[in-house]
Amino acid sequence: MGDKRLSYPIHSTDTEEKTSLSYPSLYHVVLLNDDYTTMEFVQKVIEKVFHKTAQEAMQIMLEVHRTGKGVAGTYTRDIARTKAERVMHLAFRENFPLKCIVEKI
């Protein structure tokens, strides 16, 4: 017996749906200064978590030291939150009170 499938032409609808795409919001990951966390530890964390060079990490660490806070990186929300949590986890493991916050730009 032969194939008895029916085929129907595909028609588009009369209305077209317009979609607009936008870029996700960006967030700064900000390190906050304290009186106990060593500058060496802060620099090491910046290099490790944010993949900065030693020179870049030193500049950020000095900004944190001099002004009280410094932006370590800018990311989408989930990545920024993950990096902030990782910084505080590393600090906790080494018994430092280093704090890291996420700020929407």
N, C-alpha and C. Protein backbone atom coordinates (compact mmCIF):
# COMPACT_ATOMS: atom_id res chain seq x y z
N MET A 1 0.83 -1.18 0.00
CA MET A 1 0.00 0.00 0.00
C MET A 1 0.87 1.24 0.00
N GLY A 2 0.39 2.26 -0.61
CA GLY A 2 1.15 3.49 -0.74
C GLY A 2 1.05 4.36 0.50
N ASP A 3 1.90 5.35 0.57
CA ASP A 3 1.91 6.29 1.68
C ASP A 3 0.73 7.23 1.53
N LYS A 4 -0.12 7.30 2.55
CA LYS A 4 -1.34 8.10 2.43
C LYS A 4 -1.30 9.33 3.34
N ARG A 5 -0.11 9.84 3.63
CA ARG A 5 0.00 11.04 4.45
C ARG A 5 -0.49 12.24 3.68
N LEU A 6 -1.15 13.12 4.39
CA LEU A 6 -1.60 14.37 3.78
C LEU A 6 -0.62 15.47 4.15
N SER A 7 -0.35 16.34 3.26
CA SER A 7 0.49 17.47 3.58
C SER A 7 -0.29 18.74 3.37
N TYR A 8 -0.13 19.66 4.30
CA TYR A 8 -0.82 20.93 4.25
C TYR A 8 0.20 22.04 4.11
N PRO A 9 -0.10 23.04 3.34
CA PRO A 9 0.84 24.16 3.24
C PRO A 9 0.87 24.92 4.57
N ILE A 10 2.04 25.41 4.91
CA ILE A 10 2.20 26.18 6.14
C ILE A 10 2.03 27.65 5.81
N HIS A 11 1.12 28.29 6.52
CA HIS A 11 0.85 29.71 6.30
C HIS A 11 1.28 30.50 7.53
N SER A 12 1.82 31.68 7.32
CA SER A 12 2.16 32.54 8.45
C SER A 12 0.93 33.31 8.87
N THR A 13 0.93 33.74 10.11
CA THR A 13 -0.21 34.51 10.61
C THR A 13 -0.15 35.91 10.05
N ASP A 14 -1.27 36.59 10.15
CA ASP A 14 -1.35 37.95 9.62
C ASP A 14 -0.60 38.96 10.47
N THR A 15 -0.44 38.69 11.74
CA THR A 15 0.27 39.63 12.61
C THR A 15 1.67 39.11 12.90
N GLU A 16 2.59 40.00 12.86
CA GLU A 16 3.97 39.64 13.18
C GLU A 16 4.28 40.14 14.58
N GLU A 17 4.90 39.29 15.33
CA GLU A 17 5.28 39.66 16.68
C GLU A 17 6.68 40.26 16.65
N LYS A 18 6.79 41.46 17.19
CA LYS A 18 8.09 42.11 17.23
C LYS A 18 8.69 41.90 18.61
N THR A 19 9.91 41.46 18.62
CA THR A 19 10.60 41.29 19.89
C THR A 19 11.81 42.21 19.90
N SER A 20 12.06 42.73 21.07
CA SER A 20 13.26 43.56 21.20
C SER A 20 14.15 42.91 22.24
N LEU A 21 15.38 42.84 21.93
CA LEU A 21 16.35 42.27 22.85
C LEU A 21 17.14 43.39 23.51
N SER A 22 17.44 43.19 24.76
CA SER A 22 18.27 44.17 25.46
C SER A 22 19.39 43.44 26.16
N TYR A 23 20.45 44.16 26.40
CA TYR A 23 21.59 43.59 27.10
C TYR A 23 21.25 43.45 28.58
N PRO A 24 21.79 42.44 29.23
CA PRO A 24 21.53 42.30 30.67
C PRO A 24 22.19 43.43 31.45
N SER A 25 21.64 43.72 32.61
CA SER A 25 22.21 44.75 33.47
C SER A 25 23.58 44.30 33.96
N LEU A 26 24.43 45.27 34.21
CA LEU A 26 25.78 44.98 34.71
C LEU A 26 25.90 45.42 36.16
N TYR A 27 26.79 44.72 36.86
CA TYR A 27 27.00 44.96 38.29
C TYR A 27 28.49 45.03 38.59
N HIS A 28 28.85 45.97 39.47
CA HIS A 28 30.22 46.06 39.96
C HIS A 28 30.37 45.12 41.16
N VAL A 29 31.51 44.44 41.21
CA VAL A 29 31.87 43.68 42.40
C VAL A 29 32.85 44.57 43.16
N VAL A 30 32.46 44.98 44.35
CA VAL A 30 33.21 45.98 45.11
C VAL A 30 33.78 45.35 46.38
N LEU A 31 35.08 45.52 46.57
CA LEU A 31 35.75 45.08 47.80
C LEU A 31 35.74 46.24 48.79
N LEU A 32 35.46 45.92 50.05
CA LEU A 32 35.40 46.95 51.09
C LEU A 32 36.60 46.81 52.02
N ASN A 33 37.17 47.93 52.39
CA ASN A 33 38.35 47.94 53.27
C ASN A 33 37.96 47.62 54.71
N ASP A 34 38.86 47.00 55.41
CA ASP A 34 38.72 46.79 56.85
C ASP A 34 40.10 46.91 57.48
N ASP A 35 40.16 46.87 58.80
CA ASP A 35 41.43 47.08 59.50
C ASP A 35 42.22 45.80 59.73
N TYR A 36 41.73 44.67 59.29
CA TYR A 36 42.37 43.40 59.62
C TYR A 36 42.88 42.60 58.43
N THR A 37 42.20 42.67 57.31
CA THR A 37 42.61 41.90 56.14
C THR A 37 43.90 42.49 55.56
N THR A 38 44.88 41.66 55.33
CA THR A 38 46.16 42.17 54.81
C THR A 38 46.04 42.57 53.34
N MET A 39 46.87 43.52 52.97
CA MET A 39 46.89 43.96 51.58
C MET A 39 47.35 42.83 50.67
N GLU A 40 48.25 42.02 51.15
CA GLU A 40 48.74 40.89 50.36
C GLU A 40 47.63 39.90 50.05
N PHE A 41 46.77 39.64 51.06
CA PHE A 41 45.66 38.72 50.84
C PHE A 41 44.67 39.29 49.83
N VAL A 42 44.36 40.57 49.97
CA VAL A 42 43.43 41.22 49.03
C VAL A 42 43.98 41.13 47.61
N GLN A 43 45.26 41.41 47.43
CA GLN A 43 45.85 41.34 46.10
C GLN A 43 45.78 39.91 45.55
N LYS A 44 46.07 38.92 46.40
CA LYS A 44 46.03 37.52 45.98
C LYS A 44 44.61 37.11 45.55
N VAL A 45 43.62 37.55 46.32
CA VAL A 45 42.22 37.23 45.99
C VAL A 45 41.81 37.87 44.67
N ILE A 46 42.21 39.10 44.44
CA ILE A 46 41.88 39.78 43.19
C ILE A 46 42.48 39.05 42.00
N GLU A 47 43.72 38.62 42.15
CA GLU A 47 44.36 37.86 41.07
C GLU A 47 43.65 36.54 40.82
N LYS A 48 43.32 35.84 41.89
CA LYS A 48 42.74 34.50 41.78
C LYS A 48 41.28 34.53 41.30
N VAL A 49 40.46 35.34 41.91
CA VAL A 49 39.02 35.34 41.62
C VAL A 49 38.69 36.14 40.37
N PHE A 50 39.37 37.26 40.18
CA PHE A 50 39.02 38.16 39.07
C PHE A 50 39.99 38.06 37.90
N HIS A 51 40.97 37.18 38.02
CA HIS A 51 41.95 36.92 36.95
C HIS A 51 42.66 38.19 36.47
N LYS A 52 43.06 38.99 37.44
CA LYS A 52 43.81 40.22 37.14
C LYS A 52 45.30 39.93 37.22
N THR A 53 46.06 40.74 36.51
CA THR A 53 47.52 40.63 36.61
C THR A 53 47.95 41.16 37.98
N ALA A 54 49.18 40.89 38.35
CA ALA A 54 49.69 41.37 39.64
C ALA A 54 49.61 42.89 39.71
N GLN A 55 49.94 43.55 38.61
CA GLN A 55 49.90 45.02 38.57
C GLN A 55 48.46 45.54 38.73
N GLU A 56 47.53 44.95 37.99
CA GLU A 56 46.12 45.36 38.10
C GLU A 56 45.59 45.11 39.51
N ALA A 57 45.94 43.95 40.07
CA ALA A 57 45.47 43.61 41.40
C ALA A 57 46.03 44.59 42.43
N MET A 58 47.27 45.00 42.27
CA MET A 58 47.87 45.95 43.19
C MET A 58 47.14 47.30 43.11
N GLN A 59 46.82 47.74 41.91
CA GLN A 59 46.10 49.02 41.74
C GLN A 59 44.74 48.97 42.43
N ILE A 60 44.01 47.88 42.25
CA ILE A 60 42.70 47.74 42.88
C ILE A 60 42.84 47.68 44.39
N MET A 61 43.81 46.91 44.86
CA MET A 61 44.05 46.78 46.30
C MET A 61 44.38 48.14 46.91
N LEU A 62 45.21 48.93 46.24
CA LEU A 62 45.56 50.26 46.75
C LEU A 62 44.34 51.18 46.77
N GLU A 63 43.47 51.05 45.77
CA GLU A 63 42.24 51.85 45.76
C GLU A 63 41.36 51.48 46.96
N VAL A 64 41.25 50.19 47.24
CA VAL A 64 40.48 49.73 48.40
C VAL A 64 41.11 50.30 49.68
N HIS A 65 42.41 50.23 49.77
CA HIS A 65 43.12 50.70 50.97
C HIS A 65 42.98 52.21 51.16
N ARG A 66 43.08 52.97 50.09
CA ARG A 66 43.08 54.44 50.19
C ARG A 66 41.68 55.03 50.29
N THR A 67 40.72 54.49 49.56
CA THR A 67 39.39 55.11 49.50
C THR A 67 38.32 54.34 50.27
N GLY A 68 38.65 53.13 50.72
CA GLY A 68 37.67 52.36 51.47
C GLY A 68 36.94 51.31 50.65
N LYS A 69 37.00 51.45 49.33
CA LYS A 69 36.39 50.44 48.47
C LYS A 69 37.00 50.52 47.08
N GLY A 70 36.87 49.42 46.35
CA GLY A 70 37.42 49.39 45.00
C GLY A 70 36.68 48.36 44.15
N VAL A 71 36.49 48.69 42.89
CA VAL A 71 35.79 47.80 41.96
C VAL A 71 36.79 46.78 41.43
N ALA A 72 36.50 45.52 41.69
CA ALA A 72 37.37 44.44 41.22
C ALA A 72 36.97 43.94 39.84
N GLY A 73 35.71 44.15 39.47
CA GLY A 73 35.26 43.70 38.15
C GLY A 73 33.81 44.06 37.92
N THR A 74 33.39 43.95 36.67
CA THR A 74 32.02 44.25 36.28
C THR A 74 31.48 43.07 35.49
N TYR A 75 30.31 42.57 35.93
CA TYR A 75 29.76 41.35 35.36
C TYR A 75 28.24 41.41 35.36
N THR A 76 27.62 40.40 34.75
CA THR A 76 26.18 40.25 34.88
C THR A 76 25.88 39.83 36.32
N ARG A 77 24.62 39.91 36.72
CA ARG A 77 24.25 39.72 38.12
C ARG A 77 24.72 38.39 38.70
N ASP A 78 24.41 37.29 38.05
CA ASP A 78 24.75 35.99 38.62
C ASP A 78 26.26 35.78 38.75
N ILE A 79 27.00 36.21 37.76
CA ILE A 79 28.46 36.08 37.83
C ILE A 79 29.02 36.97 38.93
N ALA A 80 28.51 38.19 39.03
CA ALA A 80 28.97 39.12 40.07
C ALA A 80 28.70 38.55 41.46
N ARG A 81 27.51 38.01 41.66
CA ARG A 81 27.17 37.44 42.97
C ARG A 81 28.05 36.25 43.30
N THR A 82 28.32 35.41 42.31
CA THR A 82 29.16 34.24 42.52
C THR A 82 30.57 34.65 42.90
N LYS A 83 31.12 35.66 42.22
CA LYS A 83 32.47 36.12 42.52
C LYS A 83 32.53 36.75 43.92
N ALA A 84 31.53 37.52 44.28
CA ALA A 84 31.49 38.13 45.62
C ALA A 84 31.44 37.05 46.69
N GLU A 85 30.64 36.03 46.48
CA GLU A 85 30.55 34.93 47.45
C GLU A 85 31.88 34.19 47.55
N ARG A 86 32.54 34.00 46.42
CA ARG A 86 33.82 33.30 46.42
C ARG A 86 34.88 34.09 47.21
N VAL A 87 34.89 35.42 47.01
CA VAL A 87 35.83 36.27 47.77
C VAL A 87 35.60 36.12 49.26
N MET A 88 34.34 36.21 49.68
CA MET A 88 34.06 36.13 51.11
C MET A 88 34.32 34.73 51.66
N HIS A 89 34.11 33.71 50.85
CA HIS A 89 34.44 32.35 51.28
C HIS A 89 35.95 32.19 51.50
N LEU A 90 36.75 32.69 50.56
CA LEU A 90 38.20 32.62 50.71
C LEU A 90 38.67 33.39 51.95
N ALA A 91 38.07 34.56 52.16
CA ALA A 91 38.43 35.38 53.33
C ALA A 91 38.05 34.66 54.62
N PHE A 92 36.87 34.08 54.64
CA PHE A 92 36.43 33.35 55.83
C PHE A 92 37.37 32.19 56.15
N ARG A 93 37.77 31.48 55.10
CA ARG A 93 38.67 30.34 55.26
C ARG A 93 40.02 30.74 55.87
N GLU A 94 40.45 31.97 55.57
CA GLU A 94 41.72 32.48 56.10
C GLU A 94 41.54 33.37 57.33
N ASN A 95 40.31 33.40 57.85
CA ASN A 95 39.97 34.18 59.05
C ASN A 95 40.15 35.69 58.87
N PHE A 96 39.81 36.18 57.69
CA PHE A 96 39.81 37.61 57.43
C PHE A 96 38.37 38.09 57.29
N PRO A 97 38.07 39.32 57.76
CA PRO A 97 36.70 39.84 57.66
C PRO A 97 36.42 40.59 56.35
N LEU A 98 37.16 40.31 55.31
CA LEU A 98 36.99 41.01 54.04
C LEU A 98 35.55 40.88 53.54
N LYS A 99 34.96 42.00 53.18
CA LYS A 99 33.60 42.02 52.65
C LYS A 99 33.63 42.43 51.18
N CYS A 100 32.68 41.89 50.47
CA CYS A 100 32.57 42.14 49.04
C CYS A 100 31.10 42.33 48.73
N ILE A 101 30.73 43.40 48.04
CA ILE A 101 29.34 43.65 47.71
C ILE A 101 29.17 43.76 46.20
N VAL A 102 27.92 43.68 45.77
CA VAL A 102 27.58 43.79 44.36
C VAL A 102 26.68 45.01 44.20
N GLU A 103 27.05 45.91 43.30
CA GLU A 103 26.29 47.14 43.06
C GLU A 103 25.87 47.22 41.60
N LYS A 104 24.59 47.46 41.37
CA LYS A 104 24.11 47.63 40.00
C LYS A 104 24.61 48.95 39.45
N ILE A 105 25.06 48.94 38.22
CA ILE A 105 25.55 50.17 37.60
C ILE A 105 24.38 50.94 37.03
